[in-house]
């Protein structure tokens, strides 16, 4: 299975890091966010930020914001992944530093 690079946004550790997952592997995507994935928004370069669709309902949650793509606080761990013209997953285009400059920790 082809691997793709995603950037994990972890508000519990207040850090962003890179991980490789199987291309379009839903189980691995859901493991990252701890539940069903939902697109929270997309960047100008086409990368998409995914979060747990029920993250707001979980106890002891941490939050982050990426105001450029979504004005609301996002709950739990998220990840950024790129997509090709046909919608298949590919490496995230945004780099770690650029993403870090866009993320605000907390509500």
N, C-alpha and C. Protein backbone atom coordinates (compact mmCIF):
# COMPACT_ATOMS: atom_id res chain seq x y z
N UNK A 1 0.85 -1.18 0.00
CA UNK A 1 0.00 0.00 0.00
C UNK A 1 0.89 1.24 0.00
N UNK A 2 0.54 2.19 -0.83
CA UNK A 2 1.28 3.44 -0.90
C UNK A 2 1.10 4.22 0.40
N UNK A 3 2.16 4.87 0.86
CA UNK A 3 2.12 5.70 2.07
C UNK A 3 2.08 7.17 1.67
N UNK A 4 1.39 7.97 2.50
CA UNK A 4 1.36 9.42 2.30
C UNK A 4 1.73 10.11 3.60
N UNK A 5 2.30 11.30 3.47
CA UNK A 5 2.72 12.08 4.62
C UNK A 5 1.56 12.99 5.06
N UNK A 6 1.21 12.91 6.33
CA UNK A 6 0.21 13.81 6.90
C UNK A 6 0.86 14.57 8.05
N UNK A 7 0.31 15.72 8.36
CA UNK A 7 0.76 16.51 9.51
C UNK A 7 -0.29 16.42 10.60
N UNK A 8 0.11 15.94 11.76
CA UNK A 8 -0.78 15.77 12.90
C UNK A 8 -0.77 17.05 13.73
N UNK A 9 -1.96 17.54 14.10
CA UNK A 9 -2.10 18.69 14.99
C UNK A 9 -2.62 18.15 16.32
N UNK A 10 -1.77 18.15 17.33
CA UNK A 10 -2.11 17.54 18.62
C UNK A 10 -2.22 18.61 19.71
N UNK A 11 -3.45 19.03 20.05
CA UNK A 11 -3.62 20.07 21.07
C UNK A 11 -3.32 19.58 22.49
N UNK A 12 -3.28 18.29 22.71
CA UNK A 12 -2.95 17.76 24.03
C UNK A 12 -1.48 17.97 24.33
N UNK A 13 -0.64 17.78 23.32
CA UNK A 13 0.81 17.96 23.46
C UNK A 13 1.25 19.33 22.96
N UNK A 14 0.31 20.06 22.36
CA UNK A 14 0.59 21.35 21.75
C UNK A 14 1.79 21.26 20.80
N UNK A 15 1.66 20.31 19.88
CA UNK A 15 2.70 20.14 18.89
C UNK A 15 2.13 19.64 17.57
N UNK A 16 2.91 19.87 16.53
CA UNK A 16 2.58 19.42 15.18
C UNK A 16 3.71 18.52 14.74
N UNK A 17 3.36 17.36 14.21
CA UNK A 17 4.40 16.44 13.76
C UNK A 17 3.92 15.67 12.53
N UNK A 18 4.88 15.08 11.85
CA UNK A 18 4.61 14.35 10.61
C UNK A 18 4.48 12.86 10.90
N UNK A 19 3.61 12.23 10.14
CA UNK A 19 3.42 10.79 10.23
C UNK A 19 3.09 10.27 8.83
N UNK A 20 3.42 9.02 8.57
CA UNK A 20 3.03 8.39 7.31
C UNK A 20 1.90 7.41 7.58
N UNK A 21 0.89 7.46 6.72
CA UNK A 21 -0.23 6.52 6.82
C UNK A 21 -0.47 5.93 5.44
N UNK A 22 -1.22 4.85 5.39
CA UNK A 22 -1.58 4.25 4.11
C UNK A 22 -2.49 5.19 3.34
N UNK A 23 -2.23 5.32 2.05
CA UNK A 23 -3.06 6.20 1.21
C UNK A 23 -4.52 5.79 1.30
N UNK A 24 -5.37 6.73 1.67
CA UNK A 24 -6.82 6.55 1.76
C UNK A 24 -7.21 5.42 2.70
N UNK A 25 -6.40 5.17 3.73
CA UNK A 25 -6.69 4.13 4.71
C UNK A 25 -7.58 4.73 5.80
N UNK A 26 -8.87 4.53 5.68
CA UNK A 26 -9.84 5.14 6.59
C UNK A 26 -9.58 4.74 8.04
N UNK A 27 -9.22 3.50 8.27
CA UNK A 27 -8.98 3.05 9.65
C UNK A 27 -7.83 3.84 10.29
N UNK A 28 -6.75 4.04 9.56
CA UNK A 28 -5.63 4.82 10.11
C UNK A 28 -6.03 6.28 10.33
N UNK A 29 -6.81 6.83 9.43
CA UNK A 29 -7.27 8.22 9.58
C UNK A 29 -8.13 8.36 10.84
N UNK A 30 -9.02 7.40 11.05
CA UNK A 30 -9.90 7.45 12.22
C UNK A 30 -9.12 7.23 13.51
N UNK A 31 -8.07 6.43 13.46
CA UNK A 31 -7.24 6.22 14.64
C UNK A 31 -6.55 7.52 15.05
N UNK A 32 -6.13 8.32 14.08
CA UNK A 32 -5.46 9.58 14.38
C UNK A 32 -6.38 10.50 15.16
N UNK A 33 -7.62 10.65 14.69
CA UNK A 33 -8.56 11.60 15.32
C UNK A 33 -9.37 10.98 16.44
N UNK A 34 -9.33 9.68 16.57
CA UNK A 34 -10.07 9.01 17.64
C UNK A 34 -11.56 8.86 17.36
N UNK A 35 -11.93 8.71 16.11
CA UNK A 35 -13.33 8.54 15.74
C UNK A 35 -13.52 8.80 14.25
N UNK A 36 -14.76 9.09 13.88
CA UNK A 36 -15.09 9.34 12.48
C UNK A 36 -14.50 10.67 12.02
N UNK A 37 -13.90 10.66 10.83
CA UNK A 37 -13.27 11.89 10.35
C UNK A 37 -14.29 12.80 9.67
N UNK A 38 -13.98 14.09 9.77
CA UNK A 38 -14.79 15.12 9.14
C UNK A 38 -13.83 16.20 8.66
N UNK A 39 -14.05 16.71 7.45
CA UNK A 39 -13.25 17.80 6.94
C UNK A 39 -13.64 19.09 7.67
N UNK A 40 -12.66 19.75 8.27
CA UNK A 40 -12.92 21.00 8.99
C UNK A 40 -12.68 22.21 8.10
N UNK A 41 -12.01 22.01 6.98
CA UNK A 41 -11.73 23.10 6.06
C UNK A 41 -10.57 22.76 5.17
N UNK A 42 -10.37 23.59 4.14
CA UNK A 42 -9.25 23.34 3.24
C UNK A 42 -8.43 24.60 3.06
N UNK A 43 -7.15 24.40 2.86
CA UNK A 43 -6.20 25.49 2.64
C UNK A 43 -6.21 25.88 1.17
N UNK A 44 -5.65 27.05 0.86
CA UNK A 44 -5.59 27.52 -0.52
C UNK A 44 -4.85 26.54 -1.44
N UNK A 45 -3.92 25.78 -0.88
CA UNK A 45 -3.14 24.83 -1.69
C UNK A 45 -3.88 23.52 -1.93
N UNK A 46 -5.08 23.37 -1.39
CA UNK A 46 -5.88 22.16 -1.58
C UNK A 46 -5.78 21.15 -0.46
N UNK A 47 -4.82 21.32 0.47
CA UNK A 47 -4.73 20.42 1.62
C UNK A 47 -6.00 20.55 2.45
N UNK A 48 -6.40 19.45 3.09
CA UNK A 48 -7.62 19.44 3.90
C UNK A 48 -7.26 19.09 5.34
N UNK A 49 -7.86 19.80 6.28
CA UNK A 49 -7.72 19.52 7.71
C UNK A 49 -8.89 18.66 8.14
N UNK A 50 -8.58 17.51 8.73
CA UNK A 50 -9.60 16.58 9.21
C UNK A 50 -9.58 16.53 10.74
N UNK A 51 -10.76 16.39 11.33
CA UNK A 51 -10.91 16.25 12.78
C UNK A 51 -11.96 15.17 13.05
N UNK A 52 -12.14 14.86 14.33
CA UNK A 52 -13.18 13.92 14.75
C UNK A 52 -14.53 14.64 14.69
N UNK A 53 -15.48 14.08 13.94
CA UNK A 53 -16.76 14.75 13.78
C UNK A 53 -17.54 14.88 15.09
N UNK A 54 -17.21 14.08 16.09
CA UNK A 54 -17.90 14.15 17.38
C UNK A 54 -16.97 14.63 18.49
N UNK A 55 -15.88 15.26 18.12
CA UNK A 55 -14.88 15.70 19.08
C UNK A 55 -15.42 16.64 20.15
N UNK A 56 -16.37 17.47 19.79
CA UNK A 56 -16.93 18.43 20.76
C UNK A 56 -17.71 17.74 21.87
N UNK A 57 -18.11 16.49 21.66
CA UNK A 57 -18.92 15.79 22.65
C UNK A 57 -18.10 14.93 23.60
N UNK A 58 -16.79 14.91 23.42
CA UNK A 58 -15.94 14.08 24.27
C UNK A 58 -15.51 14.84 25.51
N UNK A 59 -15.39 14.12 26.62
CA UNK A 59 -14.92 14.71 27.87
C UNK A 59 -13.42 14.97 27.81
N UNK A 60 -12.97 15.90 28.65
CA UNK A 60 -11.54 16.21 28.79
C UNK A 60 -10.89 16.46 27.44
N UNK A 61 -11.46 17.38 26.71
CA UNK A 61 -11.01 17.68 25.35
C UNK A 61 -10.09 18.90 25.34
N UNK A 62 -9.18 18.93 24.41
CA UNK A 62 -8.33 20.09 24.14
C UNK A 62 -8.69 20.63 22.77
N UNK A 63 -8.38 21.90 22.53
CA UNK A 63 -8.83 22.58 21.32
C UNK A 63 -7.70 23.29 20.60
N UNK A 64 -7.95 23.55 19.32
CA UNK A 64 -7.05 24.39 18.52
C UNK A 64 -7.89 25.11 17.47
N UNK A 65 -7.31 26.17 16.90
CA UNK A 65 -7.98 26.91 15.83
C UNK A 65 -7.02 27.07 14.67
N UNK A 66 -7.58 27.08 13.48
CA UNK A 66 -6.85 27.46 12.28
C UNK A 66 -7.78 28.46 11.59
N UNK A 67 -7.72 29.70 12.06
CA UNK A 67 -8.66 30.73 11.64
C UNK A 67 -8.73 30.96 10.15
N UNK A 68 -7.67 30.69 9.44
CA UNK A 68 -7.63 30.87 8.00
C UNK A 68 -8.65 30.00 7.28
N UNK A 69 -8.96 28.83 7.86
CA UNK A 69 -9.88 27.92 7.18
C UNK A 69 -11.16 27.63 7.95
N UNK A 70 -11.17 27.94 9.25
CA UNK A 70 -12.36 27.67 10.06
C UNK A 70 -12.30 28.57 11.30
N UNK A 71 -13.29 29.42 11.51
CA UNK A 71 -13.25 30.35 12.64
C UNK A 71 -13.54 29.71 13.99
N UNK A 72 -14.06 28.49 13.98
CA UNK A 72 -14.46 27.83 15.22
C UNK A 72 -13.33 27.04 15.85
N UNK A 73 -13.36 26.89 17.19
CA UNK A 73 -12.40 26.00 17.84
C UNK A 73 -12.67 24.56 17.38
N UNK A 74 -11.60 23.82 17.18
CA UNK A 74 -11.69 22.43 16.75
C UNK A 74 -11.24 21.55 17.91
N UNK A 75 -11.96 20.48 18.15
CA UNK A 75 -11.72 19.65 19.33
C UNK A 75 -10.90 18.42 18.98
N UNK A 76 -9.91 18.14 19.82
CA UNK A 76 -9.12 16.93 19.69
C UNK A 76 -8.06 17.02 18.62
N UNK A 77 -7.47 15.88 18.34
CA UNK A 77 -6.38 15.77 17.38
C UNK A 77 -6.93 15.86 15.96
N UNK A 78 -6.21 16.58 15.11
CA UNK A 78 -6.56 16.67 13.70
C UNK A 78 -5.37 16.32 12.83
N UNK A 79 -5.59 16.22 11.53
CA UNK A 79 -4.46 16.01 10.62
C UNK A 79 -4.74 16.68 9.28
N UNK A 80 -3.65 17.04 8.61
CA UNK A 80 -3.72 17.69 7.31
C UNK A 80 -3.17 16.72 6.27
N UNK A 81 -3.92 16.59 5.18
CA UNK A 81 -3.51 15.70 4.08
C UNK A 81 -3.80 16.38 2.76
N UNK A 82 -2.97 16.12 1.78
CA UNK A 82 -3.20 16.61 0.43
C UNK A 82 -4.08 15.65 -0.35
N UNK A 83 -4.55 16.11 -1.51
CA UNK A 83 -5.38 15.28 -2.39
C UNK A 83 -5.05 15.60 -3.84
N UNK A 84 -5.05 14.58 -4.69
CA UNK A 84 -4.79 14.81 -6.11
C UNK A 84 -6.07 15.25 -6.82
N UNK A 85 -5.98 15.44 -8.13
CA UNK A 85 -7.12 15.94 -8.91
C UNK A 85 -8.32 14.99 -8.90
N UNK A 86 -8.07 13.71 -8.61
CA UNK A 86 -9.16 12.73 -8.58
C UNK A 86 -9.65 12.45 -7.16
N UNK A 87 -9.10 13.17 -6.18
CA UNK A 87 -9.56 13.02 -4.80
C UNK A 87 -8.80 12.01 -3.97
N UNK A 88 -7.83 11.34 -4.56
CA UNK A 88 -7.03 10.37 -3.80
C UNK A 88 -6.06 11.11 -2.89
N UNK A 89 -5.78 10.51 -1.74
CA UNK A 89 -4.87 11.12 -0.79
C UNK A 89 -3.45 11.20 -1.33
N UNK A 90 -2.76 12.27 -0.97
CA UNK A 90 -1.34 12.43 -1.30
C UNK A 90 -0.68 13.17 -0.14
N UNK A 91 0.63 13.33 -0.21
CA UNK A 91 1.36 14.03 0.85
C UNK A 91 0.78 15.43 1.08
N UNK A 92 0.77 15.85 2.34
CA UNK A 92 0.38 17.22 2.65
C UNK A 92 1.38 18.15 1.97
N UNK A 93 0.86 19.21 1.37
CA UNK A 93 1.71 20.17 0.67
C UNK A 93 2.25 21.22 1.63
N UNK A 94 1.43 21.63 2.58
CA UNK A 94 1.86 22.63 3.55
C UNK A 94 3.01 22.06 4.37
N UNK A 95 3.99 22.89 4.67
CA UNK A 95 5.09 22.37 5.48
C UNK A 95 4.80 22.60 6.96
N UNK A 96 5.56 21.92 7.77
CA UNK A 96 5.37 21.93 9.22
C UNK A 96 5.38 23.34 9.79
N UNK A 97 6.36 24.16 9.40
CA UNK A 97 6.49 25.51 9.94
C UNK A 97 5.31 26.39 9.54
N UNK A 98 4.91 26.34 8.28
CA UNK A 98 3.78 27.16 7.82
C UNK A 98 2.50 26.78 8.57
N UNK A 99 2.29 25.49 8.80
CA UNK A 99 1.12 25.05 9.55
C UNK A 99 1.21 25.54 11.00
N UNK A 100 2.37 25.41 11.60
CA UNK A 100 2.55 25.85 12.98
C UNK A 100 2.23 27.33 13.16
N UNK A 101 2.53 28.14 12.17
CA UNK A 101 2.24 29.56 12.24
C UNK A 101 0.74 29.87 12.13
N UNK A 102 -0.03 28.93 11.61
CA UNK A 102 -1.47 29.12 11.43
C UNK A 102 -2.30 28.57 12.59
N UNK A 103 -1.70 27.72 13.43
CA UNK A 103 -2.44 27.06 14.50
C UNK A 103 -2.38 27.89 15.79
N UNK A 104 -3.52 28.05 16.43
CA UNK A 104 -3.64 28.66 17.76
C UNK A 104 -4.12 27.58 18.72
N UNK A 105 -3.44 27.42 19.84
CA UNK A 105 -3.83 26.41 20.83
C UNK A 105 -4.89 26.98 21.76
N UNK A 106 -5.82 26.15 22.18
CA UNK A 106 -6.88 26.57 23.09
C UNK A 106 -8.12 26.98 22.34
N UNK A 107 -9.05 27.53 23.06
CA UNK A 107 -10.34 27.91 22.46
C UNK A 107 -10.24 29.19 21.76
